[in-house]
Amino acid sequence: MPFTPAATPLRRCLAGAARSRGFTLIELMIAVAIVAILVGVALPSYREYVIRGHLADASNGLALMRAQMERHYQDNRTYATVGTFTTPCASADASTRTFNNFVVTCSGTPTATAFTLVATGSGPVAGFSLTINQADVRATTAAPTGWNTCATKWLLKKGATC
């Protein structure tokens, strides 16, 4: 039997290695498709997670301002400004009413027995508006498309209902 160089195991191994260098186009397309599907699922979930974190700032800000209004009421027996005692709603320091992407303001002028605080969102939470009043009635009065509103509680999660 004559010796043929192509028949040696080393030659066969080297010939196979030369043919399988790199990836084929179809393998690359499949990898890109898998990455695209993962990004398509993960990105909306991440955005919702970030928004929920910002909504916590609104609820904290409203709770803090409500506590300040109640403290003012305990001291003066009114939510409105009395003499030199200025209601927290009329405070000149606007920075105390800014909570990251939310600004908390009074809706109208507080009366002796009533007030309503409004947290209005900007930036990534633009379109959100949450309220609270002297009776601790909380409401989500405005929300972007895909989020619900509610007259009886704050909706801090997409898909939540009254």
Foldseek 3Di string as FASTA:
>chain_A
DDDDPCPDPVNVVVVVVVVPPDDDPVVVVVVVVVVVVVCVVPVVVVLQVVQLVVVVLVVVLQVVLLVQQVVLCVVPVFSCDDDPRHHPQPDPPQVSQDRPQWGKHWDDGGTRQKTKIWIAGDDSFHFWIWMAMNVRFIWTPTGDPQADTGRGHDDSGRPDDD
